[in-house]
Amino acid sequence: MKRGTGIAPHHVAIIMDGNGRWAQQRGRPRLFGHQAGARRLREIVRVCPDLGVKYLTIFAFSTENWKRTQIEIAGLMTLFRRYITLETKALVREGVRVRFIGDRIRLDEKLVWLMDELELMTADNSRVHLTIALNYGGRDEVARATRRLAQEVRANRLNPDTVNEETFAHYLDTYFLPDPDLVIRTSGEARISNFLLWQSAYAEYEFIDTLWPDFTKEVFTEIVTGYSGRERRFGAVTA
């Protein structure tokens, strides 16, 4: 018989998929689904403390999402700016610390400014740590981390013989986060889509058919509660 941990996941990461399909099923434009998805995120963040989830990382926009139509991309960027503007006061009040990961170079200056401001305004919060992956890709992150590490070696600030997994992790975007315990993907797709490749080496995965705008706090609660029944061995063998 498998023995569960009996412990809630400390860090949950979510690939929020299915906004576009949710909207199309209702005869609405894809951006309508993204707007509904943003509202759903608010609900999930708020329930995290009740479930013992201290860290929540969400996949908002990938490095591959630039391949979408310019109309959808422009709409998403507007939605990100609006989300930050409208949610800042509530996030501060509710004790949520927000940080962003990903490459900011392709993002517009106004959005980057808002991201910086939100990080600054929530810096003293600790009730929930919300990390938003924006223009993020796991391979891109590893490449950027490797570049930074190589620059340190070239400048004689780092001895290459001392580089190990812990050293490398310090150069990743997520250097301030514990590794995720549980990764959830909505919408029925069973792939990780270049999300947290290094960090999720020993994460538990949950792939569900529910589209993200339909991902209620009840569904989230059921998955988080079910996690405590899983046996996590990290390569070891239990007696």
Protein backbone atom coordinates (compact mmCIF):
# COMPACT_ATOMS: atom_id res chain seq x y z
CA MET A 1 0.00 0.00 0.00
CA LYS A 2 1.32 3.43 -0.91
CA ARG A 3 1.79 5.85 1.95
CA GLY A 4 1.05 9.52 1.35
CA THR A 5 2.98 12.44 2.72
CA GLY A 6 -0.01 13.86 4.56
CA ILE A 7 1.45 17.28 3.80
CA ALA A 8 0.05 19.97 1.51
CA PRO A 9 2.27 21.10 -1.38
CA HIS A 10 4.39 24.06 -0.32
CA HIS A 11 4.79 25.28 -3.90
CA VAL A 12 2.23 24.75 -6.66
CA ALA A 13 2.89 25.72 -10.28
CA ILE A 14 0.08 25.98 -12.83
CA ILE A 15 0.05 25.97 -16.62
CA MET A 16 -3.15 27.93 -17.16
CA ASP A 17 -4.36 26.51 -20.45
CA GLY A 18 -7.69 26.61 -22.26
CA ASN A 19 -8.76 30.27 -22.18
CA GLY A 20 -9.10 30.51 -25.95
CA ARG A 21 -11.07 27.28 -26.33
CA TRP A 22 -13.33 28.27 -23.44
CA ALA A 23 -14.21 31.51 -25.25
CA GLN A 24 -14.67 29.83 -28.63
CA GLN A 25 -17.08 27.30 -27.11
CA ARG A 26 -19.20 30.30 -26.16
CA GLY A 27 -18.91 32.00 -29.53
CA ARG A 28 -16.72 34.76 -28.13
CA PRO A 29 -13.25 36.03 -29.13
CA ARG A 30 -10.22 34.42 -27.50
CA LEU A 31 -9.48 37.54 -25.45
CA PHE A 32 -12.80 37.06 -23.69
CA GLY A 33 -11.41 33.79 -22.39
CA HIS A 34 -8.19 35.41 -21.23
CA GLN A 35 -10.20 37.98 -19.30
CA ALA A 36 -12.17 35.19 -17.62
CA GLY A 37 -8.90 33.43 -16.84
CA ALA A 38 -7.52 36.52 -15.10
CA ARG A 39 -10.57 36.62 -12.85
CA ARG A 40 -10.11 32.94 -12.04
CA LEU A 41 -6.50 33.58 -10.99
CA ARG A 42 -7.74 36.03 -8.35
CA GLU A 43 -9.86 33.29 -6.77
CA ILE A 44 -7.05 30.71 -6.76
CA VAL A 45 -4.55 33.10 -5.17
CA ARG A 46 -6.98 33.91 -2.38
CA VAL A 47 -7.61 30.29 -1.42
CA CYS A 48 -3.92 29.33 -1.24
CA PRO A 49 -3.39 30.25 2.45
CA ASP A 50 -6.37 28.13 3.49
CA LEU A 51 -4.78 25.12 1.76
CA GLY A 52 -1.28 25.60 3.11
CA VAL A 53 0.11 26.63 -0.28
CA LYS A 54 2.78 29.26 0.35
CA TYR A 55 4.11 29.62 -3.20
CA LEU A 56 2.05 29.79 -6.39
CA THR A 57 3.75 30.11 -9.78
CA ILE A 58 1.63 30.60 -12.89
CA PHE A 59 2.50 30.44 -16.59
CA ALA A 60 1.01 33.60 -18.09
CA PHE A 61 2.84 34.04 -21.41
CA SER A 62 5.52 31.84 -22.95
CA THR A 63 8.39 32.69 -25.28
CA GLU A 64 6.49 30.65 -27.90
CA ASN A 65 3.30 32.70 -27.51
CA TRP A 66 4.77 35.44 -29.73
CA LYS A 67 3.75 33.18 -32.64
CA ARG A 68 0.09 34.04 -32.02
CA THR A 69 -1.73 36.74 -33.99
CA GLN A 70 -0.75 40.34 -33.35
CA ILE A 71 -4.31 41.07 -32.28
CA GLU A 72 -4.21 38.42 -29.55
CA ILE A 73 -0.72 39.42 -28.41
CA ALA A 74 -1.67 43.09 -28.18
CA GLY A 75 -4.81 42.16 -26.28
CA LEU A 76 -2.85 40.01 -23.84
CA MET A 77 -0.33 42.78 -23.16
CA THR A 78 -3.20 45.19 -22.49
CA LEU A 79 -4.74 42.61 -20.17
CA PHE A 80 -1.47 42.20 -18.24
CA ARG A 81 -1.21 45.98 -17.76
CA ARG A 82 -4.84 46.19 -16.68
CA TYR A 83 -4.49 43.25 -14.27
CA ILE A 84 -1.54 44.87 -12.52
CA THR A 85 -3.24 48.26 -12.34
CA LEU A 86 -6.51 46.90 -10.98
CA GLU A 87 -5.15 44.24 -8.64
CA THR A 88 -2.23 46.03 -6.97
CA LYS A 89 -4.18 47.40 -3.99
CA ALA A 90 -5.88 44.07 -3.31
CA LEU A 91 -2.61 42.14 -3.57
CA VAL A 92 -0.92 44.50 -1.13
CA ARG A 93 -3.87 44.36 1.27
CA GLU A 94 -4.09 40.56 1.17
CA GLY A 95 -0.39 40.01 1.86
CA VAL A 96 0.55 38.64 -1.56
CA ARG A 97 4.12 39.12 -2.71
CA VAL A 98 4.37 39.24 -6.50
CA ARG A 99 7.45 38.59 -8.58
CA PHE A 100 7.93 38.02 -12.28
CA ILE A 101 10.21 35.59 -14.09
CA GLY A 102 11.11 35.54 -17.78
CA ASP A 103 12.96 37.75 -20.22
CA ARG A 104 11.62 41.32 -20.10
CA ILE A 105 13.49 42.58 -23.18
CA ARG A 106 10.58 42.10 -25.61
CA LEU A 107 7.97 43.56 -23.26
CA ASP A 108 6.91 47.19 -23.66
CA GLU A 109 8.30 49.80 -21.28
CA LYS A 110 4.94 50.59 -19.67
CA LEU A 111 4.34 46.95 -18.77
CA VAL A 112 7.87 46.51 -17.41
CA TRP A 113 7.43 49.64 -15.29
CA LEU A 114 4.18 48.29 -13.86
CA MET A 115 5.85 44.94 -13.13
CA ASP A 116 8.68 46.66 -11.30
CA GLU A 117 6.24 48.77 -9.29
CA LEU A 118 4.14 45.77 -8.30
CA GLU A 119 7.22 43.87 -7.15
CA LEU A 120 8.33 46.87 -5.11
CA MET A 121 4.93 47.54 -3.54
CA THR A 122 4.46 43.92 -2.45
CA ALA A 123 8.08 43.31 -1.39
CA ASP A 124 7.23 43.19 2.32
CA ASN A 125 4.36 40.71 1.93
CA SER A 126 4.75 37.03 2.77
CA ARG A 127 1.29 35.45 3.15
CA VAL A 128 1.42 34.09 -0.41
CA HIS A 129 4.28 34.30 -2.89
CA LEU A 130 2.81 34.68 -6.38
CA THR A 131 5.30 34.32 -9.21
CA ILE A 132 4.13 35.18 -12.72
CA ALA A 133 6.05 33.70 -15.67
CA LEU A 134 5.79 36.32 -18.41
CA ASN A 135 7.69 35.89 -21.67
CA TYR A 136 9.13 32.81 -20.04
CA GLY A 137 10.49 29.58 -21.49
CA GLY A 138 12.39 26.91 -19.62
CA ARG A 139 15.06 26.45 -22.28
CA ASP A 140 15.45 30.21 -22.66
CA GLU A 141 15.86 30.51 -18.89
CA VAL A 142 18.57 27.83 -18.84
CA ALA A 143 20.37 29.49 -21.76
CA ARG A 144 20.30 32.89 -20.03
CA ALA A 145 21.49 31.36 -16.77
CA THR A 146 24.35 29.61 -18.55
CA ARG A 147 25.33 32.87 -20.21
CA ARG A 148 25.44 34.68 -16.85
CA LEU A 149 27.43 31.88 -15.28
CA ALA A 150 29.91 31.90 -18.18
CA GLN A 151 30.36 35.65 -17.79
CA GLU A 152 31.19 35.16 -14.11
CA VAL A 153 33.79 32.53 -15.01
CA ARG A 154 35.31 34.75 -17.69
CA ALA A 155 35.58 37.61 -15.20
CA ASN A 156 37.36 35.28 -12.74
CA ARG A 157 34.58 35.70 -10.21
CA LEU A 158 33.64 32.01 -10.35
CA ASN A 159 35.80 28.89 -10.42
CA PRO A 160 34.29 26.47 -12.97
CA ASP A 161 35.46 23.52 -10.87
CA THR A 162 33.09 24.60 -8.10
CA VAL A 163 29.96 24.71 -10.29
CA ASN A 164 27.33 22.19 -9.21
CA GLU A 165 23.53 21.96 -9.28
CA GLU A 166 23.15 24.39 -6.41
CA THR A 167 25.47 26.91 -8.04
CA PHE A 168 23.65 26.73 -11.35
CA ALA A 169 20.23 27.11 -9.71
CA HIS A 170 21.42 30.44 -8.28
CA TYR A 171 21.56 31.84 -11.84
CA LEU A 172 18.03 30.80 -12.78
CA ASP A 173 15.11 33.25 -12.73
CA THR A 174 13.65 31.26 -9.84
CA TYR A 175 16.68 31.51 -7.55
CA PHE A 176 14.41 32.89 -4.80
CA LEU A 177 11.90 30.03 -4.97
CA PRO A 178 11.81 26.47 -3.65
CA ASP A 179 11.27 23.87 -6.35
CA PRO A 180 7.59 23.16 -7.10
CA ASP A 181 6.05 20.20 -5.33
CA LEU A 182 3.08 20.00 -7.67
CA VAL A 183 2.58 21.14 -11.27
CA ILE A 184 -0.96 21.35 -12.63
CA ARG A 185 -1.92 21.73 -16.27
CA THR A 186 -5.49 22.47 -17.26
CA SER A 187 -7.37 21.88 -20.55
CA GLY A 188 -6.57 18.21 -21.18
CA GLU A 189 -3.11 18.65 -22.72
CA ALA A 190 -0.55 16.24 -21.23
CA ARG A 191 2.69 18.12 -21.82
CA ILE A 192 4.78 20.59 -19.84
CA SER A 193 5.31 23.11 -22.66
CA ASN A 194 8.78 24.29 -21.66
CA PHE A 195 7.70 25.32 -18.16
CA LEU A 196 10.11 25.12 -15.20
CA LEU A 197 12.19 22.39 -16.82
CA TRP A 198 15.01 22.45 -14.29
CA GLN A 199 12.91 23.15 -11.22
CA SER A 200 10.29 20.43 -11.80
CA ALA A 201 12.69 17.48 -11.90
CA TYR A 202 10.94 15.85 -8.93
CA ALA A 203 7.57 17.57 -8.99
CA GLU A 204 4.31 15.67 -9.00
CA TYR A 205 2.14 16.37 -12.07
CA GLU A 206 -1.61 16.65 -12.46
CA PHE A 207 -3.11 16.93 -15.95
CA ILE A 208 -6.83 17.70 -15.92
CA ASP A 209 -9.44 18.26 -18.63
CA THR A 210 -10.92 21.38 -17.02
CA LEU A 211 -10.35 24.57 -19.01
CA TRP A 212 -8.66 27.28 -16.98
CA PRO A 213 -11.67 29.66 -16.67
CA ASP A 214 -13.61 26.70 -15.18
CA PHE A 215 -10.82 25.85 -12.71
CA THR A 216 -12.63 26.74 -9.51
CA LYS A 217 -11.25 26.87 -5.99
CA GLU A 218 -13.13 23.62 -5.36
CA VAL A 219 -11.24 21.87 -8.16
CA PHE A 220 -7.97 23.33 -6.89
CA THR A 221 -8.75 22.22 -3.34
CA GLU A 222 -9.46 18.66 -4.49
CA ILE A 223 -6.11 18.43 -6.34
CA VAL A 224 -4.11 19.94 -3.48
CA THR A 225 -5.81 17.62 -0.97
CA GLY A 226 -5.13 14.63 -3.21
CA TYR A 227 -1.44 15.50 -3.32
CA SER A 228 -1.07 14.67 0.37
CA GLY A 229 -1.94 11.07 -0.47
CA ARG A 230 0.97 10.66 -2.87
CA GLU A 231 4.17 8.93 -1.85
CA ARG A 232 7.27 10.95 -2.79
CA ARG A 233 10.53 8.97 -2.75
CA PHE A 234 12.93 11.21 -4.73
CA GLY A 235 14.71 8.16 -6.13
CA ALA A 236 14.82 6.29 -2.81
CA VAL A 237 13.05 3.04 -1.95
CA THR A 238 10.70 2.79 0.97
CA ALA A 239 10.51 -0.32 3.08
